[in-house]
């Protein structure tokens, strides 16, 4: 049951993340993703069988319960941005902001369901399922936002740090992107305890929301 809830929620969350990148890129002058039909919530246009299904399932069962995944990255051509530095930062941060918005909405709804949801249809079993789904939505979107904030190339947060570095250092830093995500996943599987430290802020926020809902 848990995985049946997790996969659609994760898929929706990563699709919104990529659509946000594409939409902001279009606002900044890059129509590459728009021409390829990627400004759409239709998951068929974004789903990555590995990142959207297989990796999340493997992480759920073997990664200490970590919920993470990705959709196909939208193509972006920074040369089309009206302002390269501003456009690169805004497009990179768009996905993170979209996940934070989804996390906020999930948190509000979770508090409502747990506090005043007694009149919902089908009784407590239905309420329990809805609350669990909202809890997963909150957790997944917080994880997506936090992970993408990490300054590890090519994650979104690295684009912000890149523009703060001297040109020569920034070029070497960005080149490291070929290995960044691979090293992260090796760390997740080889040192599962380390991920708990990295995700401590996520658990802090999630615990605060649940305390508000149940307090």
N, C-alpha and C. Protein backbone atom coordinates (compact mmCIF):
# COMPACT_ATOMS: atom_id res chain seq x y z
N UNK A 1 0.84 -1.21 0.00
CA UNK A 1 0.00 0.00 0.00
C UNK A 1 0.87 1.26 0.00
N UNK A 2 1.96 1.24 0.83
CA UNK A 2 2.81 2.43 0.90
C UNK A 2 3.36 2.79 -0.47
N UNK A 3 3.89 1.79 -1.19
CA UNK A 3 4.50 2.07 -2.49
C UNK A 3 3.45 2.53 -3.50
N UNK A 4 2.22 2.02 -3.38
CA UNK A 4 1.14 2.45 -4.27
C UNK A 4 0.85 3.94 -4.08
N UNK A 5 1.01 4.43 -2.86
CA UNK A 5 0.84 5.86 -2.60
C UNK A 5 2.08 6.65 -3.01
N UNK A 6 3.25 6.10 -2.73
CA UNK A 6 4.49 6.84 -2.91
C UNK A 6 4.77 7.13 -4.38
N UNK A 7 4.65 6.12 -5.25
CA UNK A 7 5.06 6.29 -6.64
C UNK A 7 4.27 7.40 -7.35
N UNK A 8 2.92 7.43 -7.28
CA UNK A 8 2.20 8.53 -7.94
C UNK A 8 2.53 9.90 -7.36
N UNK A 9 2.69 9.97 -6.03
CA UNK A 9 3.01 11.25 -5.40
C UNK A 9 4.40 11.72 -5.83
N UNK A 10 5.36 10.80 -5.82
CA UNK A 10 6.70 11.16 -6.25
C UNK A 10 6.71 11.57 -7.72
N UNK A 11 6.00 10.82 -8.55
CA UNK A 11 5.95 11.14 -9.97
C UNK A 11 5.37 12.53 -10.20
N UNK A 12 4.26 12.83 -9.53
CA UNK A 12 3.65 14.16 -9.67
C UNK A 12 4.61 15.24 -9.21
N UNK A 13 5.31 15.00 -8.11
CA UNK A 13 6.22 16.00 -7.54
C UNK A 13 7.40 16.29 -8.47
N UNK A 14 7.98 15.25 -9.05
CA UNK A 14 9.13 15.48 -9.94
C UNK A 14 8.68 16.07 -11.27
N UNK A 15 7.46 15.75 -11.71
CA UNK A 15 6.93 16.36 -12.93
C UNK A 15 6.72 17.86 -12.71
N UNK A 16 6.12 18.23 -11.59
CA UNK A 16 5.93 19.66 -11.27
C UNK A 16 7.29 20.36 -11.21
N UNK A 17 8.27 19.69 -10.63
CA UNK A 17 9.64 20.24 -10.54
C UNK A 17 10.18 20.57 -11.94
N UNK A 18 10.03 19.64 -12.87
CA UNK A 18 10.57 19.85 -14.21
C UNK A 18 9.74 20.88 -14.99
N UNK A 19 8.42 20.87 -14.81
CA UNK A 19 7.57 21.86 -15.48
C UNK A 19 7.94 23.26 -15.01
N UNK A 20 8.24 23.40 -13.72
CA UNK A 20 8.65 24.71 -13.19
C UNK A 20 9.93 25.19 -13.87
N UNK A 21 10.91 24.28 -14.03
CA UNK A 21 12.13 24.64 -14.76
C UNK A 21 11.79 25.12 -16.17
N UNK A 22 10.95 24.36 -16.86
CA UNK A 22 10.62 24.67 -18.25
C UNK A 22 9.87 25.99 -18.37
N UNK A 23 8.92 26.22 -17.46
CA UNK A 23 8.10 27.43 -17.54
C UNK A 23 8.93 28.68 -17.27
N UNK A 24 9.79 28.62 -16.25
CA UNK A 24 10.62 29.78 -15.93
C UNK A 24 11.65 30.01 -17.04
N UNK A 25 12.19 28.94 -17.62
CA UNK A 25 13.10 29.09 -18.75
C UNK A 25 12.41 29.83 -19.89
N UNK A 26 11.16 29.49 -20.13
CA UNK A 26 10.39 30.16 -21.19
C UNK A 26 10.23 31.65 -20.87
N UNK A 27 9.96 31.96 -19.60
CA UNK A 27 9.83 33.36 -19.19
C UNK A 27 11.15 34.11 -19.35
N UNK A 28 12.25 33.39 -19.23
CA UNK A 28 13.56 34.02 -19.36
C UNK A 28 14.04 34.10 -20.80
N UNK A 29 13.24 33.60 -21.74
CA UNK A 29 13.59 33.73 -23.15
C UNK A 29 13.98 32.46 -23.86
N UNK A 30 14.04 31.33 -23.14
CA UNK A 30 14.43 30.06 -23.75
C UNK A 30 13.18 29.22 -24.03
N UNK A 31 12.88 29.02 -25.29
CA UNK A 31 11.68 28.25 -25.67
C UNK A 31 11.98 26.81 -26.02
N UNK A 32 13.18 26.32 -25.69
CA UNK A 32 13.58 24.96 -26.05
C UNK A 32 12.61 23.92 -25.50
N UNK A 33 12.36 23.95 -24.21
CA UNK A 33 11.46 22.97 -23.59
C UNK A 33 10.04 23.14 -24.08
N UNK A 34 9.61 24.38 -24.30
CA UNK A 34 8.25 24.64 -24.79
C UNK A 34 8.04 24.02 -26.16
N UNK A 35 9.03 24.14 -27.03
CA UNK A 35 8.90 23.58 -28.38
C UNK A 35 8.85 22.05 -28.35
N UNK A 36 9.41 21.46 -27.32
CA UNK A 36 9.40 20.00 -27.19
C UNK A 36 8.19 19.50 -26.39
N UNK A 37 7.28 20.41 -26.05
CA UNK A 37 6.07 20.01 -25.34
C UNK A 37 6.29 19.62 -23.90
N UNK A 38 7.30 20.22 -23.26
CA UNK A 38 7.62 19.84 -21.88
C UNK A 38 6.97 20.75 -20.84
N UNK A 39 6.25 21.79 -21.26
CA UNK A 39 5.51 22.59 -20.29
C UNK A 39 4.12 21.99 -20.17
N UNK A 40 4.06 20.84 -19.58
CA UNK A 40 2.82 20.09 -19.42
C UNK A 40 2.93 19.20 -18.18
N UNK A 41 1.80 18.98 -17.52
CA UNK A 41 1.78 18.08 -16.36
C UNK A 41 1.54 16.63 -16.77
N UNK A 42 1.41 16.38 -18.05
CA UNK A 42 1.24 15.01 -18.53
C UNK A 42 2.52 14.21 -18.21
N UNK A 43 2.44 13.22 -17.33
CA UNK A 43 3.65 12.50 -16.92
C UNK A 43 4.35 11.76 -18.05
N UNK A 44 3.60 11.43 -19.11
CA UNK A 44 4.21 10.72 -20.23
C UNK A 44 5.35 11.53 -20.84
N UNK A 45 5.23 12.86 -20.80
CA UNK A 45 6.26 13.72 -21.37
C UNK A 45 7.49 13.82 -20.49
N UNK A 46 7.40 13.37 -19.24
CA UNK A 46 8.49 13.59 -18.29
C UNK A 46 9.02 12.33 -17.64
N UNK A 47 8.26 11.24 -17.66
CA UNK A 47 8.62 10.07 -16.86
C UNK A 47 9.94 9.46 -17.31
N UNK A 48 10.76 9.13 -16.34
CA UNK A 48 12.01 8.42 -16.55
C UNK A 48 11.87 7.09 -15.82
N UNK A 49 11.77 5.97 -16.55
CA UNK A 49 11.53 4.68 -15.87
C UNK A 49 12.53 4.39 -14.75
N UNK A 50 13.78 4.79 -14.96
CA UNK A 50 14.80 4.55 -13.93
C UNK A 50 14.59 5.48 -12.73
N UNK A 51 14.58 6.78 -12.98
CA UNK A 51 14.52 7.75 -11.89
C UNK A 51 13.16 7.94 -11.27
N UNK A 52 12.09 7.64 -12.04
CA UNK A 52 10.74 7.88 -11.52
C UNK A 52 10.11 6.64 -10.89
N UNK A 53 10.65 5.45 -11.19
CA UNK A 53 10.04 4.23 -10.67
C UNK A 53 11.06 3.30 -10.02
N UNK A 54 12.08 2.89 -10.77
CA UNK A 54 13.00 1.86 -10.26
C UNK A 54 13.85 2.35 -9.10
N UNK A 55 14.46 3.51 -9.24
CA UNK A 55 15.30 4.04 -8.16
C UNK A 55 14.49 4.33 -6.90
N UNK A 56 13.31 4.99 -7.00
CA UNK A 56 12.52 5.20 -5.78
C UNK A 56 12.14 3.90 -5.08
N UNK A 57 11.77 2.88 -5.87
CA UNK A 57 11.40 1.60 -5.27
C UNK A 57 12.60 0.96 -4.58
N UNK A 58 13.77 1.01 -5.25
CA UNK A 58 14.98 0.44 -4.65
C UNK A 58 15.38 1.18 -3.38
N UNK A 59 15.27 2.53 -3.41
CA UNK A 59 15.61 3.31 -2.22
C UNK A 59 14.64 3.02 -1.08
N UNK A 60 13.38 2.83 -1.42
CA UNK A 60 12.38 2.57 -0.39
C UNK A 60 12.69 1.27 0.35
N UNK A 61 13.09 0.24 -0.42
CA UNK A 61 13.31 -1.07 0.18
C UNK A 61 14.73 -1.25 0.73
N UNK A 62 15.74 -0.62 0.07
CA UNK A 62 17.13 -0.90 0.46
C UNK A 62 17.89 0.34 0.92
N UNK A 63 17.29 1.52 0.83
CA UNK A 63 18.02 2.75 1.17
C UNK A 63 17.59 3.36 2.47
N UNK A 64 17.09 2.55 3.39
CA UNK A 64 16.71 3.07 4.69
C UNK A 64 15.45 3.92 4.67
N UNK A 65 14.58 3.67 3.68
CA UNK A 65 13.32 4.40 3.62
C UNK A 65 13.41 5.76 2.97
N UNK A 66 14.56 6.10 2.35
CA UNK A 66 14.71 7.38 1.68
C UNK A 66 13.81 7.42 0.45
N UNK A 67 13.10 8.52 0.27
CA UNK A 67 12.19 8.67 -0.86
C UNK A 67 12.74 9.72 -1.80
N UNK A 68 13.28 9.30 -2.92
CA UNK A 68 13.89 10.25 -3.85
C UNK A 68 13.78 9.70 -5.26
N UNK A 69 13.74 10.61 -6.23
CA UNK A 69 13.69 10.21 -7.63
C UNK A 69 13.77 11.43 -8.51
N UNK A 70 13.59 11.22 -9.81
CA UNK A 70 13.65 12.35 -10.73
C UNK A 70 12.87 12.01 -12.00
N UNK A 71 12.52 13.05 -12.73
CA UNK A 71 11.93 12.90 -14.05
C UNK A 71 13.01 13.23 -15.09
N UNK A 72 12.68 13.09 -16.37
CA UNK A 72 13.64 13.47 -17.40
C UNK A 72 13.91 14.97 -17.29
N UNK A 73 15.17 15.37 -17.16
CA UNK A 73 15.46 16.81 -17.07
C UNK A 73 14.99 17.53 -18.34
N UNK A 74 14.40 18.70 -18.15
CA UNK A 74 13.98 19.46 -19.33
C UNK A 74 15.21 20.09 -19.98
N UNK A 75 15.26 20.11 -21.30
CA UNK A 75 16.41 20.75 -21.97
C UNK A 75 16.34 22.26 -21.82
N UNK A 76 17.45 22.85 -21.47
CA UNK A 76 17.53 24.31 -21.29
C UNK A 76 18.73 24.82 -22.08
N UNK A 77 18.53 25.90 -22.81
CA UNK A 77 19.61 26.54 -23.54
C UNK A 77 19.88 27.91 -22.94
N UNK A 78 20.85 28.00 -22.02
CA UNK A 78 21.10 29.28 -21.33
C UNK A 78 21.47 30.42 -22.27
N UNK A 79 21.96 30.11 -23.47
CA UNK A 79 22.33 31.16 -24.41
C UNK A 79 21.13 31.99 -24.85
N UNK A 80 19.94 31.43 -24.68
CA UNK A 80 18.73 32.16 -25.06
C UNK A 80 18.20 33.06 -23.95
N UNK A 81 18.75 32.92 -22.74
CA UNK A 81 18.28 33.76 -21.64
C UNK A 81 18.57 35.23 -21.94
N UNK A 82 17.65 36.08 -21.58
CA UNK A 82 17.87 37.51 -21.77
C UNK A 82 19.01 38.00 -20.88
N UNK A 83 19.14 37.40 -19.72
CA UNK A 83 20.25 37.68 -18.82
C UNK A 83 20.75 36.34 -18.31
N UNK A 84 21.96 35.95 -18.73
CA UNK A 84 22.42 34.58 -18.46
C UNK A 84 22.47 34.27 -16.96
N UNK A 85 23.10 35.15 -16.18
CA UNK A 85 23.27 34.86 -14.75
C UNK A 85 21.91 34.79 -14.05
N UNK A 86 21.08 35.80 -14.25
CA UNK A 86 19.76 35.81 -13.61
C UNK A 86 18.92 34.64 -14.08
N UNK A 87 18.93 34.38 -15.38
CA UNK A 87 18.13 33.29 -15.92
C UNK A 87 18.55 31.94 -15.39
N UNK A 88 19.86 31.69 -15.31
CA UNK A 88 20.35 30.40 -14.84
C UNK A 88 19.95 30.17 -13.39
N UNK A 89 20.06 31.21 -12.56
CA UNK A 89 19.70 31.08 -11.15
C UNK A 89 18.20 30.88 -11.00
N UNK A 90 17.40 31.68 -11.69
CA UNK A 90 15.95 31.58 -11.54
C UNK A 90 15.42 30.24 -12.05
N UNK A 91 15.93 29.78 -13.17
CA UNK A 91 15.48 28.49 -13.72
C UNK A 91 15.88 27.36 -12.77
N UNK A 92 17.08 27.42 -12.22
CA UNK A 92 17.54 26.37 -11.32
C UNK A 92 16.72 26.34 -10.03
N UNK A 93 16.38 27.53 -9.51
CA UNK A 93 15.64 27.59 -8.26
C UNK A 93 14.15 27.29 -8.44
N UNK A 94 13.65 27.37 -9.66
CA UNK A 94 12.22 27.18 -9.90
C UNK A 94 11.72 25.82 -9.43
N UNK A 95 12.50 24.77 -9.71
CA UNK A 95 12.08 23.44 -9.29
C UNK A 95 12.03 23.31 -7.78
N UNK A 96 13.01 23.89 -7.09
CA UNK A 96 13.04 23.85 -5.63
C UNK A 96 11.84 24.59 -5.06
N UNK A 97 11.55 25.77 -5.60
CA UNK A 97 10.40 26.56 -5.12
C UNK A 97 9.11 25.79 -5.34
N UNK A 98 8.98 25.12 -6.48
CA UNK A 98 7.75 24.36 -6.75
C UNK A 98 7.56 23.25 -5.73
N UNK A 99 8.64 22.57 -5.35
CA UNK A 99 8.52 21.51 -4.33
C UNK A 99 8.22 22.07 -2.95
N UNK A 100 8.76 23.24 -2.65
CA UNK A 100 8.44 23.87 -1.36
C UNK A 100 6.97 24.28 -1.31
N UNK A 101 6.42 24.74 -2.43
CA UNK A 101 5.00 25.09 -2.48
C UNK A 101 4.14 23.84 -2.26
N UNK A 102 4.50 22.75 -2.94
CA UNK A 102 3.76 21.50 -2.75
C UNK A 102 3.88 21.00 -1.31
N UNK A 103 5.05 21.15 -0.71
CA UNK A 103 5.24 20.74 0.68
C UNK A 103 4.36 21.58 1.60
N UNK A 104 4.28 22.88 1.36
CA UNK A 104 3.46 23.76 2.18
C UNK A 104 1.98 23.39 2.07
N UNK A 105 1.51 23.18 0.84
CA UNK A 105 0.11 22.79 0.64
C UNK A 105 -0.18 21.46 1.33
N UNK A 106 0.75 20.50 1.20
CA UNK A 106 0.57 19.20 1.84
C UNK A 106 0.51 19.33 3.35
N UNK A 107 1.36 20.20 3.91
CA UNK A 107 1.39 20.40 5.35
C UNK A 107 0.07 20.98 5.86
N UNK A 108 -0.44 21.99 5.15
CA UNK A 108 -1.72 22.61 5.55
C UNK A 108 -2.84 21.58 5.50
N UNK A 109 -2.91 20.83 4.41
CA UNK A 109 -3.98 19.82 4.27
C UNK A 109 -3.84 18.71 5.30
N UNK A 110 -2.61 18.32 5.61
CA UNK A 110 -2.38 17.28 6.61
C UNK A 110 -2.87 17.75 7.98
N UNK A 111 -2.59 18.99 8.33
CA UNK A 111 -3.05 19.53 9.60
C UNK A 111 -4.58 19.55 9.64
N UNK A 112 -5.20 19.96 8.53
CA UNK A 112 -6.66 20.00 8.48
C UNK A 112 -7.25 18.61 8.63
N UNK A 113 -6.70 17.64 7.89
CA UNK A 113 -7.23 16.28 7.94
C UNK A 113 -7.11 15.69 9.33
N UNK A 114 -5.95 15.88 9.97
CA UNK A 114 -5.74 15.29 11.29
C UNK A 114 -6.51 16.00 12.39
N UNK A 115 -6.80 17.28 12.18
CA UNK A 115 -7.49 18.04 13.23
C UNK A 115 -9.01 18.05 13.07
N UNK A 116 -9.48 18.30 11.84
CA UNK A 116 -10.92 18.49 11.67
C UNK A 116 -11.49 17.59 10.57
N UNK A 117 -10.83 16.51 10.27
CA UNK A 117 -11.26 15.67 9.17
C UNK A 117 -12.21 14.56 9.56
N UNK A 118 -12.79 14.63 10.73
CA UNK A 118 -13.66 13.55 11.18
C UNK A 118 -14.90 13.37 10.33
N UNK A 119 -15.28 14.41 9.60
CA UNK A 119 -16.47 14.29 8.77
C UNK A 119 -16.21 13.81 7.36
N UNK A 120 -14.97 13.43 7.07
CA UNK A 120 -14.64 12.97 5.71
C UNK A 120 -15.34 11.66 5.42
N UNK A 121 -15.64 11.39 4.14
CA UNK A 121 -16.38 10.17 3.78
C UNK A 121 -15.60 8.89 4.07
N UNK A 122 -16.37 7.83 4.26
CA UNK A 122 -15.82 6.48 4.41
C UNK A 122 -15.10 6.23 5.72
N UNK A 123 -15.20 7.13 6.67
CA UNK A 123 -14.73 6.84 8.01
C UNK A 123 -13.23 6.91 8.19
N UNK A 124 -12.74 6.42 9.33
CA UNK A 124 -11.34 6.60 9.72
C UNK A 124 -10.34 5.91 8.80
N UNK A 125 -10.71 4.80 8.15
CA UNK A 125 -9.77 4.15 7.24
C UNK A 125 -9.45 5.07 6.07
N UNK A 126 -10.47 5.73 5.55
CA UNK A 126 -10.26 6.70 4.47
C UNK A 126 -9.37 7.84 4.96
N UNK A 127 -9.68 8.36 6.15
CA UNK A 127 -8.90 9.47 6.71
C UNK A 127 -7.44 9.06 6.90
N UNK A 128 -7.24 7.85 7.37
CA UNK A 128 -5.88 7.37 7.59
C UNK A 128 -5.10 7.32 6.28
N UNK A 129 -5.74 6.86 5.21
CA UNK A 129 -5.08 6.79 3.91
C UNK A 129 -4.76 8.18 3.38
N UNK A 130 -5.72 9.10 3.51
CA UNK A 130 -5.49 10.47 3.05
C UNK A 130 -4.35 11.11 3.84
N UNK A 131 -4.35 10.93 5.16
CA UNK A 131 -3.29 11.49 6.00
C UNK A 131 -1.93 10.91 5.63
N UNK A 132 -1.91 9.61 5.37
CA UNK A 132 -0.64 8.98 4.98
C UNK A 132 -0.15 9.53 3.65
N UNK A 133 -1.07 9.71 2.70
CA UNK A 133 -0.70 10.26 1.39
C UNK A 133 -0.14 11.67 1.54
N UNK A 134 -0.79 12.49 2.37
CA UNK A 134 -0.33 13.86 2.58
C UNK A 134 1.01 13.88 3.32
N UNK A 135 1.20 12.95 4.23
CA UNK A 135 2.47 12.84 4.93
C UNK A 135 3.59 12.50 3.94
N UNK A 136 3.32 11.56 3.03
CA UNK A 136 4.31 11.23 2.00
C UNK A 136 4.56 12.43 1.08
N UNK A 137 3.50 13.14 0.71
CA UNK A 137 3.67 14.31 -0.17
C UNK A 137 4.53 15.36 0.50
N UNK A 138 4.28 15.60 1.78
CA UNK A 138 5.10 16.55 2.54
C UNK A 138 6.55 16.10 2.56
N UNK A 139 6.78 14.84 2.93
CA UNK A 139 8.14 14.32 3.07
C UNK A 139 8.88 14.32 1.74
N UNK A 140 8.23 13.83 0.69
CA UNK A 140 8.87 13.72 -0.62
C UNK A 140 9.27 15.10 -1.14
N UNK A 141 8.37 16.07 -1.02
CA UNK A 141 8.67 17.39 -1.57
C UNK A 141 9.73 18.12 -0.75
N UNK A 142 9.74 17.90 0.56
CA UNK A 142 10.82 18.47 1.37
C UNK A 142 12.16 17.85 0.98
N UNK A 143 12.18 16.54 0.76
CA UNK A 143 13.43 15.87 0.37
C UNK A 143 13.90 16.37 -0.99
N UNK A 144 12.97 16.47 -1.95
CA UNK A 144 13.35 16.95 -3.28
C UNK A 144 13.92 18.36 -3.22
N UNK A 145 13.25 19.23 -2.46
CA UNK A 145 13.73 20.61 -2.34
C UNK A 145 15.10 20.65 -1.68
N UNK A 146 15.27 19.91 -0.56
CA UNK A 146 16.51 19.95 0.18
C UNK A 146 17.67 19.34 -0.60
N UNK A 147 17.43 18.18 -1.23
CA UNK A 147 18.48 17.54 -2.01
C UNK A 147 18.95 18.45 -3.15
N UNK A 148 17.97 19.07 -3.83
CA UNK A 148 18.35 19.91 -4.96
C UNK A 148 19.03 21.20 -4.54
N UNK A 149 18.88 21.58 -3.27
CA UNK A 149 19.59 22.75 -2.76
C UNK A 149 21.07 22.44 -2.50
N UNK A 150 21.41 21.16 -2.34
CA UNK A 150 22.79 20.81 -2.07
C UNK A 150 23.69 21.32 -3.20
N UNK A 151 24.81 21.95 -2.86
CA UNK A 151 25.69 22.51 -3.91
C UNK A 151 26.58 21.45 -4.56
N UNK A 152 25.95 20.38 -5.02
CA UNK A 152 26.67 19.29 -5.68
C UNK A 152 26.29 19.30 -7.16
N UNK A 153 27.21 19.63 -8.05
CA UNK A 153 26.87 19.63 -9.48
C UNK A 153 26.41 18.26 -9.92
N UNK A 154 25.38 18.14 -10.76
CA UNK A 154 24.65 19.24 -11.42
C UNK A 154 23.34 19.60 -10.73
N UNK A 155 23.19 19.33 -9.42
CA UNK A 155 21.96 19.66 -8.73
C UNK A 155 21.72 21.17 -8.79
N UNK A 156 20.46 21.56 -8.59
CA UNK A 156 20.07 22.95 -8.81
C UNK A 156 20.86 23.94 -7.96
N UNK A 157 21.13 23.58 -6.71
CA UNK A 157 21.86 24.48 -5.83
C UNK A 157 23.25 24.81 -6.34
N UNK A 158 23.85 23.92 -7.13
CA UNK A 158 25.20 24.17 -7.65
C UNK A 158 25.22 25.34 -8.62
N UNK A 159 24.09 25.60 -9.30
CA UNK A 159 24.06 26.71 -10.25
C UNK A 159 24.19 28.05 -9.52
N UNK A 160 23.60 28.13 -8.34
CA UNK A 160 23.69 29.37 -7.55
C UNK A 160 25.13 29.57 -7.08
N UNK A 161 25.73 28.51 -6.51
CA UNK A 161 27.11 28.62 -6.03
C UNK A 161 28.07 28.92 -7.19
N UNK A 162 27.83 28.33 -8.34
CA UNK A 162 28.70 28.54 -9.50
C UNK A 162 28.85 30.02 -9.81
N UNK A 163 27.74 30.76 -9.75
CA UNK A 163 27.79 32.18 -10.10
C UNK A 163 28.44 33.03 -9.02
N UNK A 164 28.73 32.43 -7.86
CA UNK A 164 29.41 33.17 -6.78
C UNK A 164 30.92 32.93 -6.80
N UNK A 165 31.37 31.99 -7.64
CA UNK A 165 32.78 31.63 -7.67
C UNK A 165 33.53 32.39 -8.76
N UNK A 166 34.84 32.56 -8.60
CA UNK A 166 35.65 33.10 -9.70
C UNK A 166 35.52 32.21 -10.93
N UNK A 167 35.65 32.79 -12.10
CA UNK A 167 35.39 32.07 -13.36
C UNK A 167 36.16 30.76 -13.46
N UNK A 168 37.46 30.77 -13.17
CA UNK A 168 38.28 29.57 -13.33
C UNK A 168 37.85 28.49 -12.34
N UNK A 169 37.61 28.89 -11.10
CA UNK A 169 37.16 27.93 -10.08
C UNK A 169 35.78 27.40 -10.44
N UNK A 170 34.89 28.28 -10.90
CA UNK A 170 33.54 27.87 -11.28
C UNK A 170 33.54 26.85 -12.40
N UNK A 171 34.44 27.01 -13.37
CA UNK A 171 34.50 26.07 -14.49
C UNK A 171 34.91 24.68 -14.00
N UNK A 172 35.90 24.63 -13.11
CA UNK A 172 36.32 23.33 -12.58
C UNK A 172 35.22 22.72 -11.71
N UNK A 173 34.56 23.56 -10.96
CA UNK A 173 33.47 23.11 -10.09
C UNK A 173 32.34 22.51 -10.91
N UNK A 174 31.94 23.18 -11.99
CA UNK A 174 30.85 22.68 -12.82
C UNK A 174 31.26 21.40 -13.54
N UNK A 175 32.53 21.28 -13.92
CA UNK A 175 33.00 20.07 -14.60
C UNK A 175 32.87 18.84 -13.71
N UNK A 176 32.89 19.06 -12.41
CA UNK A 176 32.77 17.96 -11.45
C UNK A 176 31.38 17.33 -11.50
N UNK A 177 30.44 18.01 -12.19
CA UNK A 177 29.08 17.52 -12.29
C UNK A 177 28.96 16.14 -12.91
N UNK A 178 29.95 15.73 -13.65
CA UNK A 178 29.92 14.39 -14.24
C UNK A 178 29.93 13.30 -13.17
N UNK A 179 30.42 13.63 -11.99
CA UNK A 179 30.57 12.62 -10.94
C UNK A 179 29.68 12.88 -9.72
N UNK A 180 29.10 14.08 -9.62
CA UNK A 180 28.41 14.47 -8.40
C UNK A 180 27.28 13.55 -7.98
N UNK A 181 26.32 13.32 -8.88
CA UNK A 181 25.15 12.50 -8.55
C UNK A 181 25.55 11.05 -8.29
N UNK A 182 26.50 10.54 -9.08
CA UNK A 182 26.97 9.17 -8.88
C UNK A 182 27.56 9.00 -7.48
N UNK A 183 28.35 9.97 -7.05
CA UNK A 183 28.94 9.90 -5.72
C UNK A 183 27.87 9.98 -4.63
N UNK A 184 26.84 10.80 -4.87
CA UNK A 184 25.75 10.90 -3.90
C UNK A 184 25.05 9.57 -3.71
N UNK A 185 24.75 8.88 -4.81
CA UNK A 185 24.04 7.62 -4.71
C UNK A 185 24.91 6.53 -4.10
N UNK A 186 26.20 6.54 -4.40
CA UNK A 186 27.09 5.60 -3.73
C UNK A 186 27.08 5.84 -2.23
N UNK A 187 27.06 7.11 -1.84
CA UNK A 187 27.04 7.44 -0.41
C UNK A 187 25.76 6.94 0.25
N UNK A 188 24.62 7.07 -0.47
CA UNK A 188 23.34 6.62 0.07
C UNK A 188 23.35 5.13 0.35
N UNK A 189 23.88 4.35 -0.60
CA UNK A 189 23.85 2.90 -0.46
C UNK A 189 24.97 2.37 0.44
N UNK A 190 26.14 3.02 0.41
CA UNK A 190 27.26 2.52 1.20
C UNK A 190 27.23 3.01 2.64
N UNK A 191 26.68 4.22 2.85
CA UNK A 191 26.64 4.80 4.19
C UNK A 191 25.23 5.28 4.50
N UNK A 192 24.29 4.34 4.68
CA UNK A 192 22.89 4.73 4.89
C UNK A 192 22.69 5.63 6.10
N UNK A 193 23.57 5.54 7.10
CA UNK A 193 23.45 6.39 8.27
C UNK A 193 23.71 7.85 7.95
N UNK A 194 24.57 8.10 6.94
CA UNK A 194 24.92 9.48 6.60
C UNK A 194 23.72 10.23 6.06
N UNK A 195 22.82 9.53 5.38
CA UNK A 195 21.67 10.20 4.79
C UNK A 195 20.75 10.77 5.86
N UNK A 196 20.72 10.12 7.02
CA UNK A 196 19.90 10.63 8.11
C UNK A 196 20.41 11.98 8.59
N UNK A 197 21.72 12.15 8.57
CA UNK A 197 22.31 13.43 8.97
C UNK A 197 21.97 14.50 7.94
N UNK A 198 22.11 14.14 6.66
CA UNK A 198 21.82 15.10 5.59
C UNK A 198 20.36 15.53 5.62
N UNK A 199 19.46 14.58 5.93
CA UNK A 199 18.03 14.86 5.89
C UNK A 199 17.49 15.33 7.24
N UNK A 200 18.37 15.64 8.18
CA UNK A 200 17.91 16.11 9.50
C UNK A 200 16.98 17.33 9.39
N UNK A 201 17.27 18.32 8.53
CA UNK A 201 16.34 19.45 8.42
C UNK A 201 14.95 19.04 7.94
N UNK A 202 14.89 18.04 7.05
CA UNK A 202 13.60 17.54 6.57
C UNK A 202 12.80 16.95 7.72
N UNK A 203 13.45 16.12 8.52
CA UNK A 203 12.77 15.50 9.65
C UNK A 203 12.34 16.54 10.68
N UNK A 204 13.14 17.59 10.82
CA UNK A 204 12.80 18.65 11.76
C UNK A 204 11.51 19.35 11.34
N UNK A 205 11.42 19.71 10.06
CA UNK A 205 10.22 20.39 9.55
C UNK A 205 9.02 19.46 9.60
N UNK A 206 9.22 18.22 9.19
CA UNK A 206 8.12 17.24 9.20
C UNK A 206 7.61 17.02 10.63
N UNK A 207 8.52 16.90 11.57
CA UNK A 207 8.12 16.73 12.97
C UNK A 207 7.35 17.92 13.50
N UNK A 208 7.75 19.12 13.09
CA UNK A 208 7.07 20.34 13.50
C UNK A 208 5.65 20.36 12.96
N UNK A 209 5.47 19.96 11.69
CA UNK A 209 4.13 19.93 11.09
C UNK A 209 3.24 18.92 11.82
N UNK A 210 3.78 17.72 12.08
CA UNK A 210 3.00 16.71 12.77
C UNK A 210 2.65 17.13 14.20
N UNK A 211 3.57 17.83 14.85
CA UNK A 211 3.27 18.32 16.20
C UNK A 211 2.13 19.33 16.17
N UNK A 212 2.12 20.19 15.15
CA UNK A 212 1.02 21.16 15.00
C UNK A 212 -0.29 20.43 14.74
N UNK A 213 -0.23 19.36 13.92
CA UNK A 213 -1.45 18.65 13.54
C UNK A 213 -2.01 17.86 14.71
N UNK A 214 -1.16 17.32 15.53
CA UNK A 214 -1.61 16.44 16.61
C UNK A 214 -1.65 17.13 17.97
N UNK A 215 -1.10 18.35 18.03
CA UNK A 215 -0.99 19.02 19.31
C UNK A 215 -2.23 19.75 19.77
